[in-house]
C-alpha atoms as a PDB file:
ATOM      1  CA  UNK A   1      45.068-111.746 105.019  1.00  0.00           C
ATOM      2  CA  UNK A   2      42.889-113.557 107.510  1.00  0.00           C
ATOM      3  CA  UNK A   3      39.232-114.040 106.677  1.00  0.00           C
ATOM      4  CA  UNK A   4      36.711-111.845 108.461  1.00  0.00           C
ATOM      5  CA  UNK A   5      35.512-113.488 111.611  1.00  0.00           C
ATOM      6  CA  UNK A   6      38.820-114.994 112.651  1.00  0.00           C
ATOM      7  CA  UNK A   7      39.332-115.336 116.386  1.00  0.00           C
ATOM      8  CA  UNK A   8      41.762-112.421 116.634  1.00  0.00           C
ATOM      9  CA  UNK A   9      39.439-110.151 114.631  1.00  0.00           C
ATOM     10  CA  UNK A  10      36.532-110.999 116.911  1.00  0.00           C
ATOM     11  CA  UNK A  11      38.714-110.353 119.980  1.00  0.00           C
ATOM     12  CA  UNK A  12      39.806-107.015 118.465  1.00  0.00           C
ATOM     13  CA  UNK A  13      36.199-106.029 117.787  1.00  0.00           C
ATOM     14  CA  UNK A  14      35.122-106.939 121.320  1.00  0.00           C
ATOM     15  CA  UNK A  15      38.093-105.150 122.896  1.00  0.00           C
ATOM     16  CA  UNK A  16      37.751-101.930 120.890  1.00  0.00           C
ATOM     17  CA  UNK A  17      35.023-100.414 123.130  1.00  0.00           C
ATOM     18  CA  UNK A  18      37.094-101.332 126.200  1.00  0.00           C
ATOM     19  CA  UNK A  19      40.126 -99.687 124.640  1.00  0.00           C
ATOM     20  CA  UNK A  20      38.167 -96.512 123.825  1.00  0.00           C
ATOM     21  CA  UNK A  21      36.653 -96.439 127.318  1.00  0.00           C
ATOM     22  CA  UNK A  22      40.097 -96.754 128.914  1.00  0.00           C
ATOM     23  CA  UNK A  23      41.465 -93.842 126.866  1.00  0.00           C
ATOM     24  CA  UNK A  24      38.443 -91.633 127.550  1.00  0.00           C
ATOM     25  CA  UNK A  25      38.538 -92.540 131.229  1.00  0.00           C
ATOM     26  CA  UNK A  26      42.186 -91.509 131.405  1.00  0.00           C
ATOM     27  CA  UNK A  27      41.341 -88.148 129.810  1.00  0.00           C
ATOM     28  CA  UNK A  28      38.432 -87.454 132.157  1.00  0.00           C
ATOM     29  CA  UNK A  29      40.395 -88.739 135.161  1.00  0.00           C
ATOM     30  CA  UNK A  30      42.959 -86.049 134.448  1.00  0.00           C
ATOM     31  CA  UNK A  31      40.584 -83.133 133.780  1.00  0.00           C
ATOM     32  CA  UNK A  32      38.008 -83.739 136.524  1.00  0.00           C
ATOM     33  CA  UNK A  33      39.522 -81.612 139.235  1.00  0.00           C
ATOM     34  CA  UNK A  34      37.741 -79.204 141.588  1.00  0.00           C
ATOM     35  CA  UNK A  35      36.665 -75.840 140.131  1.00  0.00           C
ATOM     36  CA  UNK A  36      37.792 -76.479 136.537  1.00  0.00           C
ATOM     37  CA  UNK A  37      36.585 -80.035 135.899  1.00  0.00           C
ATOM     38  CA  UNK A  38      32.874 -79.353 135.530  1.00  0.00           C
ATOM     39  CA  UNK A  39      33.207 -76.219 133.353  1.00  0.00           C
ATOM     40  CA  UNK A  40      35.682 -78.055 131.128  1.00  0.00           C
ATOM     41  CA  UNK A  41      33.397 -81.085 130.789  1.00  0.00           C
ATOM     42  CA  UNK A  42      30.412 -78.830 130.004  1.00  0.00           C
ATOM     43  CA  UNK A  43      32.494 -77.065 127.358  1.00  0.00           C
ATOM     44  CA  UNK A  44      33.534 -80.417 125.840  1.00  0.00           C
ATOM     45  CA  UNK A  45      29.934 -81.678 125.862  1.00  0.00           C
ATOM     46  CA  UNK A  46      28.628 -78.593 124.069  1.00  0.00           C
ATOM     47  CA  UNK A  47      31.464 -78.590 121.519  1.00  0.00           C
ATOM     48  CA  UNK A  48      31.043 -82.329 120.965  1.00  0.00           C
ATOM     49  CA  UNK A  49      27.307 -81.912 120.356  1.00  0.00           C
ATOM     50  CA  UNK A  50      27.968 -79.169 117.791  1.00  0.00           C
ATOM     51  CA  UNK A  51      30.727 -81.159 116.092  1.00  0.00           C
ATOM     52  CA  UNK A  52      28.630 -84.320 116.083  1.00  0.00           C
ATOM     53  CA  UNK A  53      25.679 -82.490 114.542  1.00  0.00           C
ATOM     54  CA  UNK A  54      27.888 -81.071 111.798  1.00  0.00           C
ATOM     55  CA  UNK A  55      29.441 -84.453 111.085  1.00  0.00           C
ATOM     56  CA  UNK A  56      26.157 -86.380 110.991  1.00  0.00           C
ATOM     57  CA  UNK A  57      23.801 -83.907 109.377  1.00  0.00           C
ATOM     58  CA  UNK A  58      26.080 -81.936 107.078  1.00  0.00           C
ATOM     59  CA  UNK A  59      28.291 -84.863 106.064  1.00  0.00           C
ATOM     60  CA  UNK A  60      31.508 -83.099 106.992  1.00  0.00           C
ATOM     61  CA  UNK A  61      34.620 -84.375 108.671  1.00  0.00           C
ATOM     62  CA  UNK A  62      36.151 -81.990 111.160  1.00  0.00           C
ATOM     63  CA  UNK A  63      39.766 -81.386 110.298  1.00  0.00           C
ATOM     64  CA  UNK A  64      42.027 -78.331 110.357  1.00  0.00           C
ATOM     65  CA  UNK A  65      40.581 -77.046 107.071  1.00  0.00           C
ATOM     66  CA  UNK A  66      37.040 -77.287 108.449  1.00  0.00           C
ATOM     67  CA  UNK A  67      38.158 -75.385 111.565  1.00  0.00           C
ATOM     68  CA  UNK A  68      39.647 -72.717 109.264  1.00  0.00           C
ATOM     69  CA  UNK A  69      36.312 -72.485 107.413  1.00  0.00           C
ATOM     70  CA  UNK A  70      34.538 -72.107 110.754  1.00  0.00           C
ATOM     71  CA  UNK A  71      36.887 -69.346 111.937  1.00  0.00           C
ATOM     72  CA  UNK A  72      36.679 -67.446 108.645  1.00  0.00           C
ATOM     73  CA  UNK A  73      32.895 -67.670 108.218  1.00  0.00           C
ATOM     74  CA  UNK A  74      30.730 -64.580 108.476  1.00  0.00           C
ATOM     75  CA  UNK A  75      27.966 -64.098 111.036  1.00  0.00           C
ATOM     76  CA  UNK A  76      25.330 -64.348 108.288  1.00  0.00           C
ATOM     77  CA  UNK A  77      26.704 -67.668 107.041  1.00  0.00           C
ATOM     78  CA  UNK A  78      26.856 -68.988 110.601  1.00  0.00           C
ATOM     79  CA  UNK A  79      23.260 -67.961 111.292  1.00  0.00           C
ATOM     80  CA  UNK A  80      22.128 -69.938 108.214  1.00  0.00           C
ATOM     81  CA  UNK A  81      23.366 -73.067 109.999  1.00  0.00           C
ATOM     82  CA  UNK A  82      21.308 -72.390 113.134  1.00  0.00           C
ATOM     83  CA  UNK A  83      18.172 -74.361 112.405  1.00  0.00           C
ATOM     84  CA  UNK A  84      15.463 -75.720 114.701  1.00  0.00           C
ATOM     85  CA  UNK A  85      16.812 -79.226 114.048  1.00  0.00           C
ATOM     86  CA  UNK A  86      20.341 -78.140 115.028  1.00  0.00           C
ATOM     87  CA  UNK A  87      19.097 -76.436 118.194  1.00  0.00           C
ATOM     88  CA  UNK A  88      17.094 -79.522 119.232  1.00  0.00           C
ATOM     89  CA  UNK A  89      20.089 -81.784 118.564  1.00  0.00           C
ATOM     90  CA  UNK A  90      22.473 -79.606 120.578  1.00  0.00           C
ATOM     91  CA  UNK A  91      19.901 -79.272 123.359  1.00  0.00           C
ATOM     92  CA  UNK A  92      19.433 -83.047 123.650  1.00  0.00           C
ATOM     93  CA  UNK A  93      23.070 -84.074 123.250  1.00  0.00           C
ATOM     94  CA  UNK A  94      24.830 -81.022 124.679  1.00  0.00           C
ATOM     95  CA  UNK A  95      22.680 -78.938 127.005  1.00  0.00           C
ATOM     96  CA  UNK A  96      20.840 -81.733 128.847  1.00  0.00           C
ATOM     97  CA  UNK A  97      24.009 -83.730 129.610  1.00  0.00           C
ATOM     98  CA  UNK A  98      25.696 -80.459 130.635  1.00  0.00           C
ATOM     99  CA  UNK A  99      22.897 -79.704 133.076  1.00  0.00           C
ATOM    100  CA  UNK A 100      23.272 -83.187 134.513  1.00  0.00           C
ATOM    101  CA  UNK A 101      27.021 -82.618 134.960  1.00  0.00           C
ATOM    102  CA  UNK A 102      26.393 -79.252 136.614  1.00  0.00           C
ATOM    103  CA  UNK A 103      23.893 -80.607 139.129  1.00  0.00           C
ATOM    104  CA  UNK A 104      25.704 -83.852 140.015  1.00  0.00           C
ATOM    105  CA  UNK A 105      27.663 -83.440 143.220  1.00  0.00           C
ATOM    106  CA  UNK A 106      31.180 -84.792 143.118  1.00  0.00           C
ATOM    107  CA  UNK A 107      32.545 -85.818 146.497  1.00  0.00           C
ATOM    108  CA  UNK A 108      36.284 -85.398 146.493  1.00  0.00           C
ATOM    109  CA  UNK A 109      38.395 -87.151 149.093  1.00  0.00           C
ATOM    110  CA  UNK A 110      41.321 -85.592 150.894  1.00  0.00           C
ATOM    111  CA  UNK A 111      44.022 -84.450 148.501  1.00  0.00           C
ATOM    112  CA  UNK A 112      46.350 -87.366 149.270  1.00  0.00           C
ATOM    113  CA  UNK A 113      43.619 -90.013 148.947  1.00  0.00           C
ATOM    114  CA  UNK A 114      42.292 -88.390 145.759  1.00  0.00           C
ATOM    115  CA  UNK A 115      45.712 -88.340 144.126  1.00  0.00           C
ATOM    116  CA  UNK A 116      46.420 -91.922 145.198  1.00  0.00           C
ATOM    117  CA  UNK A 117      43.116 -93.198 143.816  1.00  0.00           C
ATOM    118  CA  UNK A 118      43.429 -91.213 140.571  1.00  0.00           C
ATOM    119  CA  UNK A 119      46.936 -92.524 140.000  1.00  0.00           C
ATOM    120  CA  UNK A 120      45.700 -96.068 140.567  1.00  0.00           C
ATOM    121  CA  UNK A 121      42.821 -95.609 138.082  1.00  0.00           C
ATOM    122  CA  UNK A 122      45.111 -93.870 135.587  1.00  0.00           C
ATOM    123  CA  UNK A 123      47.542 -96.786 135.881  1.00  0.00           C
ATOM    124  CA  UNK A 124      44.702 -99.248 135.240  1.00  0.00           C
ATOM    125  CA  UNK A 125      43.470 -97.263 132.238  1.00  0.00           C
ATOM    126  CA  UNK A 126      46.999 -97.303 130.786  1.00  0.00           C
ATOM    127  CA  UNK A 127      47.531-101.003 131.524  1.00  0.00           C
ATOM    128  CA  UNK A 128      44.313-102.061 129.767  1.00  0.00           C
ATOM    129  CA  UNK A 129      45.453-100.869 126.308  1.00  0.00           C
ATOM    130  CA  UNK A 130      48.924-102.300 126.949  1.00  0.00           C
ATOM    131  CA  UNK A 131      47.365-105.710 127.665  1.00  0.00           C
ATOM    132  CA  UNK A 132      44.949-105.544 124.734  1.00  0.00           C
ATOM    133  CA  UNK A 133      47.379-104.231 122.114  1.00  0.00           C
ATOM    134  CA  UNK A 134      49.606-107.330 121.856  1.00  0.00           C
ATOM    135  CA  UNK A 135      46.546-109.565 121.384  1.00  0.00           C
ATOM    136  CA  UNK A 136      45.140-107.585 118.463  1.00  0.00           C
ATOM    137  CA  UNK A 137      47.964-105.332 117.325  1.00  0.00           C
ATOM    138  CA  UNK A 138      48.013-106.632 113.759  1.00  0.00           C
ATOM    139  CA  UNK A 139      44.251-106.152 113.352  1.00  0.00           C
ATOM    140  CA  UNK A 140      44.263-102.626 114.807  1.00  0.00           C
ATOM    141  CA  UNK A 141      47.214-101.527 112.650  1.00  0.00           C
ATOM    142  CA  UNK A 142      45.730-103.075 109.522  1.00  0.00           C
ATOM    143  CA  UNK A 143      42.336-101.484 110.158  1.00  0.00           C
ATOM    144  CA  UNK A 144      43.889 -98.110 110.974  1.00  0.00           C
ATOM    145  CA  UNK A 145      46.039 -98.176 107.838  1.00  0.00           C
ATOM    146  CA  UNK A 146      43.178 -99.216 105.544  1.00  0.00           C
ATOM    147  CA  UNK A 147      40.535 -96.982 107.153  1.00  0.00           C
ATOM    148  CA  UNK A 148      42.448 -93.897 108.311  1.00  0.00           C
ATOM    149  CA  UNK A 149      39.350 -91.694 108.016  1.00  0.00           C
ATOM    150  CA  UNK A 150      37.804 -93.506 111.005  1.00  0.00           C
ATOM    151  CA  UNK A 151      39.987 -91.493 113.383  1.00  0.00           C
ATOM    152  CA  UNK A 152      38.111 -88.369 112.265  1.00  0.00           C
ATOM    153  CA  UNK A 153      34.869 -89.820 113.576  1.00  0.00           C
ATOM    154  CA  UNK A 154      36.077 -90.178 117.156  1.00  0.00           C
ATOM    155  CA  UNK A 155      34.370 -86.959 118.098  1.00  0.00           C
ATOM    156  CA  UNK A 156      35.967 -86.048 121.402  1.00  0.00           C
ATOM    157  CA  UNK A 157      39.500 -86.326 120.132  1.00  0.00           C
ATOM    158  CA  UNK A 158      38.948 -85.227 116.566  1.00  0.00           C
ATOM    159  CA  UNK A 159      37.855 -81.615 116.879  1.00  0.00           C
ATOM    160  CA  UNK A 160      40.379 -80.961 119.647  1.00  0.00           C
ATOM    161  CA  UNK A 161      43.246 -82.171 117.485  1.00  0.00           C
ATOM    162  CA  UNK A 162      41.791 -80.334 114.445  1.00  0.00           C
ATOM    163  CA  UNK A 163      41.785 -77.042 116.371  1.00  0.00           C
ATOM    164  CA  UNK A 164      45.353 -77.743 117.487  1.00  0.00           C
ATOM    165  CA  UNK A 165      46.467 -78.469 113.888  1.00  0.00           C
ATOM    166  CA  UNK A 166      44.704 -75.307 112.660  1.00  0.00           C
ATOM    167  CA  UNK A 167      46.424 -73.242 115.350  1.00  0.00           C
ATOM    168  CA  UNK A 168      49.839 -74.642 114.390  1.00  0.00           C
ATOM    169  CA  UNK A 169      49.222 -74.023 110.677  1.00  0.00           C
ATOM    170  CA  UNK A 170      48.017 -70.466 111.228  1.00  0.00           C
ATOM    171  CA  UNK A 171      50.888 -69.700 113.602  1.00  0.00           C
ATOM    172  CA  UNK A 172      53.439 -70.980 111.082  1.00  0.00           C
ATOM    173  CA  UNK A 173      51.780 -69.173 108.159  1.00  0.00           C
ATOM    174  CA  UNK A 174      52.836 -65.755 109.459  1.00  0.00           C
ATOM    175  CA  UNK A 175      56.562 -66.420 109.663  1.00  0.00           C
ATOM    176  CA  UNK A 176      58.736 -63.971 107.830  1.00  0.00           C
ATOM    177  CA  UNK A 177      60.865 -65.326 104.990  1.00  0.00           C
ATOM    178  CA  UNK A 178      64.504 -65.387 106.072  1.00  0.00           C
ATOM    179  CA  UNK A 179      67.449 -66.230 103.852  1.00  0.00           C
ATOM    180  CA  UNK A 180      69.635 -68.648 105.748  1.00  0.00           C
ATOM    181  CA  UNK A 181      72.592 -68.858 103.383  1.00  0.00           C
ATOM    182  CA  UNK A 182      73.447 -65.811 101.309  1.00  0.00           C
ATOM    183  CA  UNK A 183      76.220 -67.517  99.299  1.00  0.00           C
ATOM    184  CA  UNK A 184      75.261 -68.178  95.652  1.00  0.00           C
ATOM    185  CA  UNK A 185      75.160 -71.769  94.544  1.00  0.00           C
END
């Protein structure tokens, strides 16, 4: 094991924000399309503010079980969580950025130019991780293996994947039991 502060670890630490930016840019490059881009971004901002508040102030990690708890909670229990502090937090980190997104004018080019430019930027945002990964692959894998809980703190991706996992679990929970082989053993 290399000592902390080795050259590759420092490079990995410096490149991590660039790697995260490239992945987030790719996501927002895909979803920012006329008519559905802004509402989707506003929805993500508000959900991210709520999820971030829960993670920071209630010391919870959002996973499929937490989504299940959220879905199964009663109105009274939910209202107990609506505090002035929570409303201020969501207003500052969800509503204000959402208002900014709503009022910012996006100038789209012609369809062909827009697609060409988006493909170029998507290509760049895919190439960046592919160039960074070989330099620091061992450090990223080691860190990810030893600190797997960190992936739960990447807010934008975490609650989306948690809702998806909850949906898959709940969908599979209602399957009827079927005997596949009726021959006795």
